[in-house]
Structure formats: structure tokens, C-alpha cells
Amino acid sequence: MALTVTCELVPPRGADADAVRAAANRWGAIADAVNVTDGARASVRMSALATVAIVRAEGVETILQMTVRDRNRIALAADALGAAALGVRGFLALWGDPVKVGENPDAAEVRDLETAELIALLAGIREGRLPGGREVDGPRPTYLVGSAASAGPAPVDGLVAKLDAGADLVQTQIVLDGEEFAEWFGRCREAGVAERATVLAGIAVPRSGELIARMEKMGARASAELAERAERGEGAEAVADLIEELARIEGLAGVHLMPLGSPPELIRDLAAHARRAFGAREA
């Protein structure tokens, strides 16, 4: 599955399948694959696997996010097999937000596995092995195994370890500083990450200074220029310029769009802008 643009779909806080269908068609029209989140911010939402089933029924390619917070390895493996049977073409293995940030701070966390161990579990199933060593019945499923990454000053050893565990897709956290991202990606390139995995830069639009602050709490690091432009209400234009800057980075495969409440028309325009920018690089 060639990727240039992926887009995030957050399941509803209810059982409205029509809302999921509408979102699937909205984002599926602009993206090569749609990420379905798994209990983001430790909140109660429609299950990611049920959401994926609805999205797949609309003919949209999907990437299923899976956190280790809520399920043990048996349940995670069962969900992976079910998702593969539905035609899911990728997984994104995540640690998951701690329950203390959600509406049920007293809920128990499972965390039977580390994130790299979930990546290894998914890669093992892809190779025909179930947890415990038994072989997968029938043909081996085919899919990408993804890892998240924070494009900051920290060493890239942890990301390399996740690739060693079997990841071949990387979607970064929100990028708000092109220069810092380029420095990080340069270190990734030196470590062989770009040769071993499809890497997509996380993109969200800070429509105000308040949103910049929220994104920074999620791990983003904004450049002074982009923060100033967001304060002036120029966040969309700043992100469009950022995408052009990212498209010039050798080895970067594309972008992962996170709507986060942005108008659908804006996300559609940014997806088209990304395709033009990355396409111009290949021309």
C-alpha cells in the first residue's frame, strides 16, 4: 500500500454508524488510508474494531490504531486477526494515553505488553505465528505494522528498536517546526530508518495560540514563527508552507493529517496541497 496522505478518524462517543460512514467517505476521498483511533485520550468511544468494520464496508483502506492500555496479548492478537479478516492493511501500535487524563481515572490499565512487544506480536502474526507459538490457520495476513514517533531532539535508538521488532510504517506526532523535523529526519536517515520504513509527518492546524498550547501538551514543539502566525490567525497558511518545506526532505514519504476539529474543507485542501508538493518532488 503506497502512502502519501493518511488521515485520522476518531470514533464517535455513541453508536451512530451513519456518522462513521460519513466520516469514512469524507476522509477516504482525500487519503490513501484512514487511521481509526483506539480510545484516544482514554475516553469511551465506539470500539476501534467496530469502527474499522464500518469504514471497510465503505471501501476505504484503513490503518487500525491499537494501544496496550486496555487489552492483554490474547485480546490484542484476536483483534488483529479480526481486523486482518476485515481487510485492514495496517496497524499502528501505541502505548495509549494514561487513564488519568480521561473521564475514568480510576479504571485499571492492562499494559501486558510494551509497545515494541505489540509491534513484534503484529509482525509475528504477519509471519504466521500466534502468541504462544502456534501457527496461524490459513494464509498469512498481509499488512503494514506501524510505530509512532516524536520528531524531536531525543535519540532515534528507540525508533530503530521498533523497526527491529518489525515496524515498517512510521507516523510522527504533530510537526510544527520544519527545521527541527529536518534535523530529526536526518538522524533517522543516517540510522537507516527511511530505507526500512514508510515515514509520514504528522500534520494538524493550530488555528490559534490556544491550540498551539494544546498541541504542545500532546508533545508538539512549535517554531517561534509558526506560533506567531497561529496567534495572528494564519495557522492554515503556516501549515501549508510547512508541508512544502517537508516535501523537500529526501526520504520522507508524505503526511498524516489529524483534523482535530478543523473544517473538513481545510483538511481536504491540505491533502491536495500535500499531493502537489510531494508530487512535484518526484517530477
C-alpha atoms as a PDB file:
ATOM      1  CA  MET A   1       0.000   0.000   0.000  1.00  0.00           C
ATOM      2  CA  ALA A   2       1.703   3.160  -1.222  1.00  0.00           C
ATOM      3  CA  LEU A   3       1.079   6.064   1.133  1.00  0.00           C
ATOM      4  CA  THR A   4       1.391   9.785   0.626  1.00  0.00           C
ATOM      5  CA  VAL A   5      -1.536  11.040   2.703  1.00  0.00           C
ATOM      6  CA  THR A   6      -3.257   9.375   5.633  1.00  0.00           C
ATOM      7  CA  CYS A   7      -5.964  10.959   7.762  1.00  0.00           C
ATOM      8  CA  GLU A   8      -7.246  10.303  11.263  1.00  0.00           C
ATOM      9  CA  LEU A   9     -10.814   9.292  12.130  1.00  0.00           C
ATOM     10  CA  VAL A  10     -11.881   9.422  15.779  1.00  0.00           C
ATOM     11  CA  PRO A  11     -14.838   7.108  16.564  1.00  0.00           C
ATOM     12  CA  PRO A  12     -17.960   8.765  17.985  1.00  0.00           C
ATOM     13  CA  ARG A  13     -18.993   8.805  21.639  1.00  0.00           C
ATOM     14  CA  GLY A  14     -22.023   6.714  20.701  1.00  0.00           C
ATOM     15  CA  ALA A  15     -23.353   4.017  18.397  1.00  0.00           C
ATOM     16  CA  ASP A  16     -24.062   6.162  15.330  1.00  0.00           C
ATOM     17  CA  ALA A  17     -22.899   4.050  12.394  1.00  0.00           C
ATOM     18  CA  ASP A  18     -24.100   6.691   9.926  1.00  0.00           C
ATOM     19  CA  ALA A  19     -21.696   9.223  11.464  1.00  0.00           C
ATOM     20  CA  VAL A  20     -18.850   6.765  10.936  1.00  0.00           C
ATOM     21  CA  ARG A  21     -19.909   6.176   7.324  1.00  0.00           C
ATOM     22  CA  ALA A  22     -19.988   9.908   6.688  1.00  0.00           C
ATOM     23  CA  ALA A  23     -16.508  10.371   8.177  1.00  0.00           C
ATOM     24  CA  ALA A  24     -15.184   7.364   6.255  1.00  0.00           C
ATOM     25  CA  ASN A  25     -16.349   8.808   2.960  1.00  0.00           C
ATOM     26  CA  ARG A  26     -15.182  12.326   3.860  1.00  0.00           C
ATOM     27  CA  TRP A  27     -11.637  11.295   4.755  1.00  0.00           C
ATOM     28  CA  GLY A  28     -11.451   8.320   2.405  1.00  0.00           C
ATOM     29  CA  ALA A  29     -11.975  10.689  -0.523  1.00  0.00           C
ATOM     30  CA  ILE A  30      -8.761  12.574   0.274  1.00  0.00           C
ATOM     31  CA  ALA A  31      -6.486   9.957   1.869  1.00  0.00           C
ATOM     32  CA  ASP A  32      -4.749   6.764   0.804  1.00  0.00           C
ATOM     33  CA  ALA A  33      -5.769   5.221   4.129  1.00  0.00           C
ATOM     34  CA  VAL A  34      -7.731   6.323   7.198  1.00  0.00           C
ATOM     35  CA  ASN A  35      -6.363   5.793  10.711  1.00  0.00           C
ATOM     36  CA  VAL A  36      -9.015   4.739  13.222  1.00  0.00           C
ATOM     37  CA  THR A  37      -8.048   5.760  16.750  1.00  0.00           C
ATOM     38  CA  ASP A  38      -8.280   3.444  19.765  1.00  0.00           C
ATOM     39  CA  GLY A  39      -9.617   5.118  22.899  1.00  0.00           C
ATOM     40  CA  ALA A  40      -7.794   8.403  22.310  1.00  0.00           C
ATOM     41  CA  ARG A  41      -7.306  10.483  25.472  1.00  0.00           C
ATOM     42  CA  ALA A  42      -8.520   7.435  27.446  1.00  0.00           C
ATOM     43  CA  SER A  43     -12.121   8.275  26.545  1.00  0.00           C
ATOM     44  CA  VAL A  44     -15.071   5.962  25.955  1.00  0.00           C
ATOM     45  CA  ARG A  45     -15.921   5.805  22.257  1.00  0.00           C
ATOM     46  CA  MET A  46     -17.164   3.245  19.760  1.00  0.00           C
ATOM     47  CA  SER A  47     -14.660   0.406  19.615  1.00  0.00           C
ATOM     48  CA  ALA A  48     -11.931   0.875  17.046  1.00  0.00           C
ATOM     49  CA  LEU A  49     -12.514  -2.588  15.576  1.00  0.00           C
ATOM     50  CA  ALA A  50     -16.265  -1.976  15.080  1.00  0.00           C
ATOM     51  CA  THR A  51     -15.452   1.405  13.540  1.00  0.00           C
ATOM     52  CA  VAL A  52     -12.990  -0.228  11.163  1.00  0.00           C
ATOM     53  CA  ALA A  53     -15.651  -2.735  10.084  1.00  0.00           C
ATOM     54  CA  ILE A  54     -17.986   0.126   9.144  1.00  0.00           C
ATOM     55  CA  VAL A  55     -15.222   2.038   7.364  1.00  0.00           C
ATOM     56  CA  ARG A  56     -14.107  -1.030   5.410  1.00  0.00           C
ATOM     57  CA  ALA A  57     -17.706  -1.656   4.310  1.00  0.00           C
ATOM     58  CA  GLU A  58     -17.491   1.757   2.624  1.00  0.00           C
ATOM     59  CA  GLY A  59     -14.487   0.534   0.620  1.00  0.00           C
ATOM     60  CA  VAL A  60     -11.973   2.752   2.439  1.00  0.00           C
ATOM     61  CA  GLU A  61      -8.460   1.499   3.247  1.00  0.00           C
ATOM     62  CA  THR A  62      -7.778   1.565   6.965  1.00  0.00           C
ATOM     63  CA  ILE A  63      -4.985   1.619   9.500  1.00  0.00           C
ATOM     64  CA  LEU A  64      -6.115   0.401  12.925  1.00  0.00           C
ATOM     65  CA  GLN A  65      -4.531   2.012  15.938  1.00  0.00           C
ATOM     66  CA  MET A  66      -4.020  -0.418  18.831  1.00  0.00           C
ATOM     67  CA  THR A  67      -2.956   0.555  22.343  1.00  0.00           C
ATOM     68  CA  VAL A  68      -1.622  -1.770  25.018  1.00  0.00           C
ATOM     69  CA  ARG A  69      -3.547   0.100  27.722  1.00  0.00           C
ATOM     70  CA  ASP A  70      -6.833  -1.810  27.675  1.00  0.00           C
ATOM     71  CA  ARG A  71      -6.188  -5.370  26.418  1.00  0.00           C
ATOM     72  CA  ASN A  72      -3.776  -8.217  27.077  1.00  0.00           C
ATOM     73  CA  ARG A  73      -1.839 -10.003  24.367  1.00  0.00           C
ATOM     74  CA  ILE A  74      -4.607 -12.556  23.804  1.00  0.00           C
ATOM     75  CA  ALA A  75      -7.211  -9.874  23.110  1.00  0.00           C
ATOM     76  CA  LEU A  76      -4.794  -7.805  21.026  1.00  0.00           C
ATOM     77  CA  ALA A  77      -3.921 -10.803  18.852  1.00  0.00           C
ATOM     78  CA  ALA A  78      -7.603 -11.693  18.441  1.00  0.00           C
ATOM     79  CA  ASP A  79      -8.418  -8.126  17.379  1.00  0.00           C
ATOM     80  CA  ALA A  80      -5.503  -8.148  14.927  1.00  0.00           C
ATOM     81  CA  LEU A  81      -6.770 -11.357  13.317  1.00  0.00           C
ATOM     82  CA  GLY A  82     -10.282  -9.935  13.112  1.00  0.00           C
ATOM     83  CA  ALA A  83      -9.027  -6.696  11.598  1.00  0.00           C
ATOM     84  CA  ALA A  84      -6.946  -8.569   9.028  1.00  0.00           C
ATOM     85  CA  ALA A  85     -10.034 -10.598   8.086  1.00  0.00           C
ATOM     86  CA  LEU A  86     -11.869  -7.297   7.507  1.00  0.00           C
ATOM     87  CA  GLY A  87      -9.152  -6.206   5.080  1.00  0.00           C
ATOM     88  CA  VAL A  88      -7.231  -3.808   7.330  1.00  0.00           C
ATOM     89  CA  ARG A  89      -3.938  -3.043   5.612  1.00  0.00           C
ATOM     90  CA  GLY A  90      -2.039  -1.526   8.501  1.00  0.00           C
ATOM     91  CA  PHE A  91      -1.756  -1.239  12.279  1.00  0.00           C
ATOM     92  CA  LEU A  92      -0.285   1.478  14.454  1.00  0.00           C
ATOM     93  CA  ALA A  93       0.990   0.151  17.776  1.00  0.00           C
ATOM     94  CA  LEU A  94       0.716   2.670  20.607  1.00  0.00           C
ATOM     95  CA  TRP A  95       1.273   2.885  24.372  1.00  0.00           C
ATOM     96  CA  GLY A  96      -2.011   4.742  24.858  1.00  0.00           C
ATOM     97  CA  ASP A  97      -2.843   7.799  26.939  1.00  0.00           C
ATOM     98  CA  PRO A  98      -2.921   7.076  30.690  1.00  0.00           C
ATOM     99  CA  VAL A  99      -6.414   6.690  32.142  1.00  0.00           C
ATOM    100  CA  LYS A 100      -5.828   9.637  34.485  1.00  0.00           C
ATOM    101  CA  VAL A 101      -6.263  12.042  31.535  1.00  0.00           C
ATOM    102  CA  GLY A 102      -9.726  10.653  30.699  1.00  0.00           C
ATOM    103  CA  GLU A 103     -13.176  10.572  32.277  1.00  0.00           C
ATOM    104  CA  ASN A 104     -12.491   7.327  34.186  1.00  0.00           C
ATOM    105  CA  PRO A 105      -9.241   7.954  36.079  1.00  0.00           C
ATOM    106  CA  ASP A 106      -9.859   5.002  38.432  1.00  0.00           C
ATOM    107  CA  ALA A 107     -10.077   2.454  35.613  1.00  0.00           C
ATOM    108  CA  ALA A 108      -7.457  -0.306  35.619  1.00  0.00           C
ATOM    109  CA  GLU A 109      -4.746  -0.284  32.963  1.00  0.00           C
ATOM    110  CA  VAL A 110      -3.670  -3.609  31.466  1.00  0.00           C
ATOM    111  CA  ARG A 111      -0.340  -2.892  29.722  1.00  0.00           C
ATOM    112  CA  ASP A 112       0.505  -6.572  29.367  1.00  0.00           C
ATOM    113  CA  LEU A 113       2.986  -5.606  26.643  1.00  0.00           C
ATOM    114  CA  GLU A 114       5.361  -2.772  25.843  1.00  0.00           C
ATOM    115  CA  THR A 115       4.747  -1.005  22.542  1.00  0.00           C
ATOM    116  CA  ALA A 116       7.709  -2.735  20.885  1.00  0.00           C
ATOM    117  CA  GLU A 117       6.327  -6.071  22.054  1.00  0.00           C
ATOM    118  CA  LEU A 118       2.972  -5.295  20.416  1.00  0.00           C
ATOM    119  CA  ILE A 119       4.858  -4.483  17.216  1.00  0.00           C
ATOM    120  CA  ALA A 120       6.619  -7.848  17.472  1.00  0.00           C
ATOM    121  CA  LEU A 121       3.271  -9.593  18.080  1.00  0.00           C
ATOM    122  CA  LEU A 122       1.750  -7.995  14.967  1.00  0.00           C
ATOM    123  CA  ALA A 123       4.846  -8.782  12.907  1.00  0.00           C
ATOM    124  CA  GLY A 124       4.755 -12.365  14.171  1.00  0.00           C
ATOM    125  CA  ILE A 125       1.148 -12.833  13.081  1.00  0.00           C
ATOM    126  CA  ARG A 126       2.115 -11.438   9.679  1.00  0.00           C
ATOM    127  CA  GLU A 127       4.780 -14.146   9.536  1.00  0.00           C
ATOM    128  CA  GLY A 128       2.279 -16.833  10.528  1.00  0.00           C
ATOM    129  CA  ARG A 129       2.943 -17.071  14.292  1.00  0.00           C
ATOM    130  CA  LEU A 130       0.450 -16.516  17.095  1.00  0.00           C
ATOM    131  CA  PRO A 131       1.444 -15.523  20.638  1.00  0.00           C
ATOM    132  CA  GLY A 132       2.388 -18.767  22.352  1.00  0.00           C
ATOM    133  CA  GLY A 133       3.956 -20.214  19.217  1.00  0.00           C
ATOM    134  CA  ARG A 134       1.045 -21.800  17.331  1.00  0.00           C
ATOM    135  CA  GLU A 135       0.774 -21.255  13.583  1.00  0.00           C
ATOM    136  CA  VAL A 136      -1.894 -19.065  12.029  1.00  0.00           C
ATOM    137  CA  ASP A 137      -4.661 -21.069  10.357  1.00  0.00           C
ATOM    138  CA  GLY A 138      -4.925 -20.430   6.628  1.00  0.00           C
ATOM    139  CA  PRO A 139      -2.937 -17.913   4.603  1.00  0.00           C
ATOM    140  CA  ARG A 140      -0.740 -15.383   6.343  1.00  0.00           C
ATOM    141  CA  PRO A 141      -2.305 -11.923   6.551  1.00  0.00           C
ATOM    142  CA  THR A 142      -0.628  -9.045   4.741  1.00  0.00           C
ATOM    143  CA  TYR A 143      -0.401  -5.606   6.346  1.00  0.00           C
ATOM    144  CA  LEU A 144       1.923  -2.838   7.468  1.00  0.00           C
ATOM    145  CA  VAL A 145       2.994  -2.625  11.097  1.00  0.00           C
ATOM    146  CA  GLY A 146       3.293   0.943  12.300  1.00  0.00           C
ATOM    147  CA  SER A 147       5.013   2.848  15.066  1.00  0.00           C
ATOM    148  CA  ALA A 148       4.502   6.383  16.286  1.00  0.00           C
ATOM    149  CA  ALA A 149       7.495   8.672  16.732  1.00  0.00           C
ATOM    150  CA  SER A 150       8.219  12.047  18.277  1.00  0.00           C
ATOM    151  CA  ALA A 151      10.302  14.125  15.888  1.00  0.00           C
ATOM    152  CA  GLY A 152      12.383  15.941  18.463  1.00  0.00           C
ATOM    153  CA  PRO A 153      15.897  16.099  19.868  1.00  0.00           C
ATOM    154  CA  ALA A 154      15.816  12.695  21.587  1.00  0.00           C
ATOM    155  CA  PRO A 155      17.973   9.876  20.138  1.00  0.00           C
ATOM    156  CA  VAL A 156      16.335   7.724  17.463  1.00  0.00           C
ATOM    157  CA  ASP A 157      17.513   4.456  19.046  1.00  0.00           C
ATOM    158  CA  GLY A 158      14.019   3.702  20.367  1.00  0.00           C
ATOM    159  CA  LEU A 159      12.509   4.072  16.915  1.00  0.00           C
ATOM    160  CA  VAL A 160      15.201   1.848  15.408  1.00  0.00           C
ATOM    161  CA  ALA A 161      14.379  -0.778  18.054  1.00  0.00           C
ATOM    162  CA  LYS A 162      10.731  -0.700  16.949  1.00  0.00           C
ATOM    163  CA  LEU A 163      11.798  -1.243  13.354  1.00  0.00           C
ATOM    164  CA  ASP A 164      13.938  -4.140  14.551  1.00  0.00           C
ATOM    165  CA  ALA A 165      10.787  -5.544  16.186  1.00  0.00           C
ATOM    166  CA  GLY A 166       9.010  -5.483  12.823  1.00  0.00           C
ATOM    167  CA  ALA A 167       7.633  -1.995  12.147  1.00  0.00           C
ATOM    168  CA  ASP A 168       7.707  -0.797   8.547  1.00  0.00           C
ATOM    169  CA  LEU A 169       5.495   2.290   8.879  1.00  0.00           C
ATOM    170  CA  VAL A 170       6.167   5.389  11.000  1.00  0.00           C
ATOM    171  CA  GLN A 171       3.677   8.166  11.678  1.00  0.00           C
ATOM    172  CA  THR A 172       5.065  11.032  13.726  1.00  0.00           C
ATOM    173  CA  GLN A 173       3.406  13.166  16.338  1.00  0.00           C
ATOM    174  CA  ILE A 174       2.313  16.653  15.258  1.00  0.00           C
ATOM    175  CA  VAL A 175       5.082  18.579  13.486  1.00  0.00           C
ATOM    176  CA  LEU A 176       5.112  22.359  13.944  1.00  0.00           C
ATOM    177  CA  ASP A 177       8.788  23.093  13.299  1.00  0.00           C
ATOM    178  CA  GLY A 178      10.179  22.220   9.883  1.00  0.00           C
ATOM    179  CA  GLU A 179      13.804  22.872  10.792  1.00  0.00           C
ATOM    180  CA  GLU A 180      13.664  20.659  13.879  1.00  0.00           C
ATOM    181  CA  PHE A 181      11.915  17.926  11.901  1.00  0.00           C
ATOM    182  CA  ALA A 182      14.563  18.055   9.173  1.00  0.00           C
ATOM    183  CA  GLU A 183      17.300  17.650  11.782  1.00  0.00           C
ATOM    184  CA  TRP A 184      15.478  14.676  13.342  1.00  0.00           C
ATOM    185  CA  PHE A 185      14.825  13.073   9.975  1.00  0.00           C
ATOM    186  CA  GLY A 186      18.465  13.493   9.030  1.00  0.00           C
ATOM    187  CA  ARG A 187      19.404  11.409  12.054  1.00  0.00           C
ATOM    188  CA  CYS A 188      16.736   8.867  11.077  1.00  0.00           C
ATOM    189  CA  ARG A 189      18.191   8.689   7.576  1.00  0.00           C
ATOM    190  CA  GLU A 190      21.667   8.085   8.975  1.00  0.00           C
ATOM    191  CA  ALA A 191      20.229   5.258  11.109  1.00  0.00           C
ATOM    192  CA  GLY A 192      18.598   3.673   8.054  1.00  0.00           C
ATOM    193  CA  VAL A 193      15.006   4.387   9.125  1.00  0.00           C
ATOM    194  CA  ALA A 194      13.924   5.902   5.799  1.00  0.00           C
ATOM    195  CA  GLU A 195      15.210   2.841   3.920  1.00  0.00           C
ATOM    196  CA  ARG A 196      13.382   0.403   6.191  1.00  0.00           C
ATOM    197  CA  ALA A 197      10.043   2.143   6.724  1.00  0.00           C
ATOM    198  CA  THR A 198       7.497   4.477   5.170  1.00  0.00           C
ATOM    199  CA  VAL A 199       7.698   7.672   7.241  1.00  0.00           C
ATOM    200  CA  LEU A 200       4.804  10.161   7.376  1.00  0.00           C
ATOM    201  CA  ALA A 201       4.954  13.516   9.173  1.00  0.00           C
ATOM    202  CA  GLY A 202       2.029  14.298  11.490  1.00  0.00           C
ATOM    203  CA  ILE A 203       0.156  17.457  10.469  1.00  0.00           C
ATOM    204  CA  ALA A 204      -2.503  19.421  12.358  1.00  0.00           C
ATOM    205  CA  VAL A 205      -3.604  23.039  12.008  1.00  0.00           C
ATOM    206  CA  PRO A 206      -3.081  25.313  15.039  1.00  0.00           C
ATOM    207  CA  ARG A 207      -5.885  27.766  14.391  1.00  0.00           C
ATOM    208  CA  SER A 208      -4.986  29.867  17.431  1.00  0.00           C
ATOM    209  CA  GLY A 209      -2.383  30.328  20.131  1.00  0.00           C
ATOM    210  CA  GLU A 210      -4.620  28.310  22.455  1.00  0.00           C
ATOM    211  CA  LEU A 211      -4.463  25.362  20.083  1.00  0.00           C
ATOM    212  CA  ILE A 212      -0.676  25.677  19.924  1.00  0.00           C
ATOM    213  CA  ALA A 213      -0.625  25.259  23.706  1.00  0.00           C
ATOM    214  CA  ARG A 214      -2.871  22.190  23.491  1.00  0.00           C
ATOM    215  CA  MET A 215      -0.701  20.620  20.803  1.00  0.00           C
ATOM    216  CA  GLU A 216       2.433  21.255  22.817  1.00  0.00           C
ATOM    217  CA  LYS A 217       0.826  19.343  25.700  1.00  0.00           C
ATOM    218  CA  MET A 218       0.471  16.477  23.219  1.00  0.00           C
ATOM    219  CA  GLY A 219       4.215  16.589  22.513  1.00  0.00           C
ATOM    220  CA  ALA A 220       4.418  19.039  19.599  1.00  0.00           C
ATOM    221  CA  ARG A 221       7.132  21.718  19.503  1.00  0.00           C
ATOM    222  CA  ALA A 222       6.222  24.855  17.542  1.00  0.00           C
ATOM    223  CA  SER A 223       8.766  27.147  15.946  1.00  0.00           C
ATOM    224  CA  ALA A 224       8.539  30.773  17.021  1.00  0.00           C
ATOM    225  CA  GLU A 225       7.485  31.824  13.518  1.00  0.00           C
ATOM    226  CA  LEU A 226       4.684  29.284  13.248  1.00  0.00           C
ATOM    227  CA  ALA A 227       3.437  30.137  16.746  1.00  0.00           C
ATOM    228  CA  GLU A 228       3.342  33.833  15.853  1.00  0.00           C
ATOM    229  CA  ARG A 229       1.424  33.135  12.653  1.00  0.00           C
ATOM    230  CA  ALA A 230      -1.071  30.983  14.542  1.00  0.00           C
ATOM    231  CA  GLU A 231      -1.605  33.819  17.008  1.00  0.00           C
ATOM    232  CA  ARG A 232      -2.432  36.073  14.029  1.00  0.00           C
ATOM    233  CA  GLY A 233      -4.957  33.545  12.715  1.00  0.00           C
ATOM    234  CA  GLU A 234      -2.655  32.347   9.924  1.00  0.00           C
ATOM    235  CA  GLY A 235      -2.292  28.756  11.127  1.00  0.00           C
ATOM    236  CA  ALA A 236      -3.619  27.182   7.940  1.00  0.00           C
ATOM    237  CA  GLU A 237      -1.287  29.195   5.720  1.00  0.00           C
ATOM    238  CA  ALA A 238       1.658  28.408   8.022  1.00  0.00           C
ATOM    239  CA  VAL A 239       0.928  24.669   7.851  1.00  0.00           C
ATOM    240  CA  ALA A 240       0.653  24.805   4.046  1.00  0.00           C
ATOM    241  CA  ASP A 241       4.121  26.392   3.971  1.00  0.00           C
ATOM    242  CA  LEU A 242       5.337  23.740   6.416  1.00  0.00           C
ATOM    243  CA  ILE A 243       4.114  20.960   4.116  1.00  0.00           C
ATOM    244  CA  GLU A 244       6.088  22.482   1.229  1.00  0.00           C
ATOM    245  CA  GLU A 245       9.167  22.561   3.469  1.00  0.00           C
ATOM    246  CA  LEU A 246       8.669  18.929   4.478  1.00  0.00           C
ATOM    247  CA  ALA A 247       8.173  17.840   0.864  1.00  0.00           C
ATOM    248  CA  ARG A 248      11.752  18.908   0.134  1.00  0.00           C
ATOM    249  CA  ILE A 249      13.144  16.415   2.672  1.00  0.00           C
ATOM    250  CA  GLU A 250      14.675  13.440   0.918  1.00  0.00           C
ATOM    251  CA  GLY A 251      13.158  10.134   2.007  1.00  0.00           C
ATOM    252  CA  LEU A 252      10.016  11.493   3.682  1.00  0.00           C
ATOM    253  CA  ALA A 253       7.059   9.654   2.136  1.00  0.00           C
ATOM    254  CA  GLY A 254       4.197  12.029   2.942  1.00  0.00           C
ATOM    255  CA  VAL A 255       1.963  13.335   5.718  1.00  0.00           C
ATOM    256  CA  HIS A 256      -0.536  12.068   8.275  1.00  0.00           C
ATOM    257  CA  LEU A 257      -3.376  14.571   8.732  1.00  0.00           C
ATOM    258  CA  MET A 258      -5.047  14.983  12.129  1.00  0.00           C
ATOM    259  CA  PRO A 259      -8.210  17.087  11.747  1.00  0.00           C
ATOM    260  CA  LEU A 260      -8.617  17.901  15.493  1.00  0.00           C
ATOM    261  CA  GLY A 261     -11.764  19.907  14.801  1.00  0.00           C
ATOM    262  CA  SER A 262     -10.526  21.719  11.701  1.00  0.00           C
ATOM    263  CA  PRO A 263     -13.146  22.295   8.979  1.00  0.00           C
ATOM    264  CA  PRO A 264     -13.267  19.336   6.554  1.00  0.00           C
ATOM    265  CA  GLU A 265     -12.688  21.713   3.634  1.00  0.00           C
ATOM    266  CA  LEU A 266      -9.400  22.817   5.154  1.00  0.00           C
ATOM    267  CA  ILE A 267      -8.200  19.241   5.626  1.00  0.00           C
ATOM    268  CA  ARG A 268      -9.248  18.462   2.046  1.00  0.00           C
ATOM    269  CA  ASP A 269      -7.252  21.423   0.754  1.00  0.00           C
ATOM    270  CA  LEU A 270      -4.181  20.459   2.790  1.00  0.00           C
ATOM    271  CA  ALA A 271      -4.351  16.888   1.452  1.00  0.00           C
ATOM    272  CA  ALA A 272      -4.432  18.213  -2.111  1.00  0.00           C
ATOM    273  CA  HIS A 273      -1.616  20.620  -1.302  1.00  0.00           C
ATOM    274  CA  ALA A 274       0.492  17.765   0.096  1.00  0.00           C
ATOM    275  CA  ARG A 275      -0.054  15.663  -3.023  1.00  0.00           C
ATOM    276  CA  ARG A 276       1.051  18.571  -5.218  1.00  0.00           C
ATOM    277  CA  ALA A 277       4.090  19.313  -3.050  1.00  0.00           C
ATOM    278  CA  PHE A 278       5.292  15.703  -2.771  1.00  0.00           C
ATOM    279  CA  GLY A 279       4.373  15.048  -6.414  1.00  0.00           C
ATOM    280  CA  ALA A 280       6.494  17.994  -7.560  1.00  0.00           C
ATOM    281  CA  ARG A 281       9.453  16.453  -5.792  1.00  0.00           C
ATOM    282  CA  GLU A 282       9.035  13.238  -7.791  1.00  0.00           C
ATOM    283  CA  ALA A 283       8.530  15.022 -11.125  1.00  0.00           C
END
